[in-house]
Amino acid sequence: MTEKKIYKIEEGKKIFGVCGGVAEYFGIDPTIVRVVWALLCLAYGLAIVAYLICAFAFPKKSEVM
């Protein structure tokens, strides 16, 4: 059984690649994750801080694979 790991993507990223990595982890379309994250940023400013924390805490895909 393969262990799932969360990471930032390097190809197809928009800013840091966090949303693409989260989308791959959950097996959904990255656009859905980006829209949800944008709505959370508009509704609650804390989502911006969470994104930045993830951007610096998540490893790149090439470092995990």
N, C-alpha and C. Protein backbone atom coordinates (compact mmCIF):
# COMPACT_ATOMS: atom_id res chain seq x y z
N MET A 1 0.84 -1.18 0.00
CA MET A 1 0.00 0.00 0.00
C MET A 1 0.89 1.24 0.00
N THR A 2 0.58 2.17 -0.88
CA THR A 2 1.36 3.39 -1.00
C THR A 2 0.86 4.44 -0.01
N GLU A 3 1.78 5.03 0.70
CA GLU A 3 1.44 6.08 1.65
C GLU A 3 1.27 7.40 0.91
N LYS A 4 0.14 8.08 1.13
CA LYS A 4 -0.11 9.36 0.49
C LYS A 4 0.65 10.45 1.23
N LYS A 5 1.27 11.35 0.48
CA LYS A 5 1.99 12.48 1.06
C LYS A 5 1.51 13.75 0.39
N ILE A 6 1.48 14.81 1.16
CA ILE A 6 1.07 16.10 0.62
C ILE A 6 2.32 16.90 0.26
N TYR A 7 2.25 17.64 -0.83
CA TYR A 7 3.39 18.40 -1.33
C TYR A 7 2.90 19.52 -2.21
N LYS A 8 3.83 20.36 -2.66
CA LYS A 8 3.53 21.42 -3.62
C LYS A 8 3.89 20.89 -5.00
N ILE A 9 3.05 21.19 -5.99
CA ILE A 9 3.38 20.79 -7.35
C ILE A 9 4.33 21.81 -7.96
N GLU A 10 5.06 21.39 -8.97
CA GLU A 10 5.99 22.29 -9.64
C GLU A 10 5.55 22.63 -11.06
N GLU A 11 4.85 21.71 -11.69
CA GLU A 11 4.34 21.96 -13.04
C GLU A 11 2.86 22.29 -12.95
N GLY A 12 2.46 23.40 -13.55
CA GLY A 12 1.06 23.79 -13.54
C GLY A 12 0.67 24.62 -12.33
N LYS A 13 1.66 25.08 -11.58
CA LYS A 13 1.35 25.86 -10.39
C LYS A 13 0.98 27.29 -10.79
N LYS A 14 0.19 27.94 -9.96
CA LYS A 14 -0.20 29.32 -10.21
C LYS A 14 0.64 30.28 -9.36
N ILE A 15 0.74 30.03 -8.08
CA ILE A 15 1.55 30.89 -7.21
C ILE A 15 2.67 30.05 -6.60
N PHE A 16 2.34 29.28 -5.57
CA PHE A 16 3.34 28.42 -4.92
C PHE A 16 3.12 26.94 -5.23
N GLY A 17 1.97 26.57 -5.77
CA GLY A 17 1.69 25.17 -6.06
C GLY A 17 0.97 24.43 -4.95
N VAL A 18 0.53 25.15 -3.92
CA VAL A 18 -0.12 24.53 -2.77
C VAL A 18 -1.47 23.92 -3.17
N CYS A 19 -2.29 24.67 -3.86
CA CYS A 19 -3.63 24.18 -4.24
C CYS A 19 -3.54 22.96 -5.15
N GLY A 20 -2.57 22.96 -6.06
CA GLY A 20 -2.39 21.80 -6.93
C GLY A 20 -1.97 20.57 -6.15
N GLY A 21 -1.11 20.76 -5.16
CA GLY A 21 -0.69 19.64 -4.32
C GLY A 21 -1.82 19.10 -3.46
N VAL A 22 -2.64 20.00 -2.91
CA VAL A 22 -3.79 19.58 -2.11
C VAL A 22 -4.79 18.84 -2.99
N ALA A 23 -4.98 19.33 -4.22
CA ALA A 23 -5.90 18.67 -5.15
C ALA A 23 -5.42 17.26 -5.50
N GLU A 24 -4.13 17.09 -5.73
CA GLU A 24 -3.59 15.75 -6.02
C GLU A 24 -3.74 14.83 -4.82
N TYR A 25 -3.55 15.37 -3.62
CA TYR A 25 -3.68 14.56 -2.41
C TYR A 25 -5.10 14.01 -2.26
N PHE A 26 -6.10 14.85 -2.51
CA PHE A 26 -7.50 14.43 -2.38
C PHE A 26 -8.09 13.85 -3.66
N GLY A 27 -7.36 13.92 -4.77
CA GLY A 27 -7.82 13.36 -6.03
C GLY A 27 -8.94 14.15 -6.68
N ILE A 28 -8.88 15.49 -6.58
CA ILE A 28 -9.90 16.34 -7.20
C ILE A 28 -9.24 17.35 -8.12
N ASP A 29 -10.04 18.08 -8.85
CA ASP A 29 -9.56 19.08 -9.80
C ASP A 29 -8.95 20.27 -9.05
N PRO A 30 -7.77 20.73 -9.45
CA PRO A 30 -7.14 21.86 -8.77
C PRO A 30 -7.97 23.15 -8.82
N THR A 31 -8.77 23.31 -9.86
CA THR A 31 -9.60 24.51 -9.96
C THR A 31 -10.59 24.59 -8.81
N ILE A 32 -11.13 23.46 -8.41
CA ILE A 32 -12.08 23.44 -7.29
C ILE A 32 -11.38 23.90 -6.01
N VAL A 33 -10.17 23.40 -5.78
CA VAL A 33 -9.42 23.79 -4.58
C VAL A 33 -9.10 25.27 -4.63
N ARG A 34 -8.72 25.78 -5.78
CA ARG A 34 -8.38 27.21 -5.91
C ARG A 34 -9.59 28.09 -5.64
N VAL A 35 -10.75 27.70 -6.17
CA VAL A 35 -11.97 28.49 -5.96
C VAL A 35 -12.37 28.47 -4.48
N VAL A 36 -12.33 27.31 -3.86
CA VAL A 36 -12.68 27.21 -2.43
C VAL A 36 -11.71 28.04 -1.60
N TRP A 37 -10.42 27.96 -1.90
CA TRP A 37 -9.44 28.71 -1.14
C TRP A 37 -9.64 30.22 -1.34
N ALA A 38 -9.95 30.64 -2.56
CA ALA A 38 -10.20 32.06 -2.82
C ALA A 38 -11.43 32.55 -2.06
N LEU A 39 -12.47 31.75 -2.02
CA LEU A 39 -13.67 32.12 -1.27
C LEU A 39 -13.37 32.23 0.22
N LEU A 40 -12.56 31.32 0.73
CA LEU A 40 -12.17 31.38 2.15
C LEU A 40 -11.31 32.62 2.43
N CYS A 41 -10.48 33.00 1.47
CA CYS A 41 -9.67 34.20 1.65
C CYS A 41 -10.54 35.45 1.69
N LEU A 42 -11.58 35.46 0.87
CA LEU A 42 -12.48 36.61 0.87
C LEU A 42 -13.34 36.66 2.12
N ALA A 43 -13.78 35.50 2.57
CA ALA A 43 -14.66 35.43 3.74
C ALA A 43 -13.88 35.58 5.04
N TYR A 44 -12.76 34.91 5.12
CA TYR A 44 -11.94 34.90 6.33
C TYR A 44 -10.50 35.17 5.93
N GLY A 45 -9.93 36.25 6.36
CA GLY A 45 -8.56 36.60 6.00
C GLY A 45 -7.52 35.61 6.48
N LEU A 46 -7.90 34.77 7.44
CA LEU A 46 -6.96 33.79 7.99
C LEU A 46 -6.53 32.75 6.95
N ALA A 47 -7.33 32.56 5.92
CA ALA A 47 -6.99 31.60 4.86
C ALA A 47 -5.73 32.03 4.11
N ILE A 48 -5.48 33.32 4.03
CA ILE A 48 -4.27 33.82 3.38
C ILE A 48 -3.04 33.40 4.19
N VAL A 49 -3.13 33.54 5.49
CA VAL A 49 -2.03 33.14 6.37
C VAL A 49 -1.82 31.63 6.29
N ALA A 50 -2.91 30.87 6.26
CA ALA A 50 -2.80 29.41 6.16
C ALA A 50 -2.13 29.02 4.84
N TYR A 51 -2.45 29.71 3.75
CA TYR A 51 -1.83 29.41 2.45
C TYR A 51 -0.32 29.66 2.52
N LEU A 52 0.07 30.77 3.11
CA LEU A 52 1.50 31.09 3.21
C LEU A 52 2.24 30.09 4.09
N ILE A 53 1.61 29.66 5.16
CA ILE A 53 2.23 28.65 6.02
C ILE A 53 2.42 27.35 5.23
N CYS A 54 1.40 26.96 4.48
CA CYS A 54 1.50 25.74 3.66
C CYS A 54 2.57 25.89 2.59
N ALA A 55 2.68 27.08 2.01
CA ALA A 55 3.65 27.32 0.94
C ALA A 55 5.08 27.10 1.43
N PHE A 56 5.33 27.44 2.68
CA PHE A 56 6.69 27.29 3.20
C PHE A 56 6.89 25.96 3.95
N ALA A 57 5.81 25.32 4.37
CA ALA A 57 5.93 24.08 5.13
C ALA A 57 5.90 22.83 4.25
N PHE A 58 5.13 22.86 3.16
CA PHE A 58 5.02 21.68 2.29
C PHE A 58 6.29 21.53 1.46
N PRO A 59 6.79 20.32 1.30
CA PRO A 59 7.94 20.09 0.42
C PRO A 59 7.49 20.11 -1.06
N LYS A 60 8.44 20.29 -1.95
CA LYS A 60 8.14 20.21 -3.38
C LYS A 60 7.94 18.76 -3.76
N LYS A 61 7.20 18.54 -4.85
CA LYS A 61 6.92 17.17 -5.30
C LYS A 61 8.21 16.42 -5.60
N SER A 62 9.20 17.11 -6.18
CA SER A 62 10.46 16.46 -6.52
C SER A 62 11.25 16.02 -5.28
N GLU A 63 11.00 16.68 -4.15
CA GLU A 63 11.69 16.30 -2.92
C GLU A 63 11.04 15.09 -2.25
N VAL A 64 9.76 14.85 -2.55
CA VAL A 64 9.02 13.74 -1.94
C VAL A 64 9.14 12.47 -2.77
N MET A 65 9.08 12.61 -4.08
CA MET A 65 9.08 11.45 -4.98
C MET A 65 10.48 10.95 -5.24
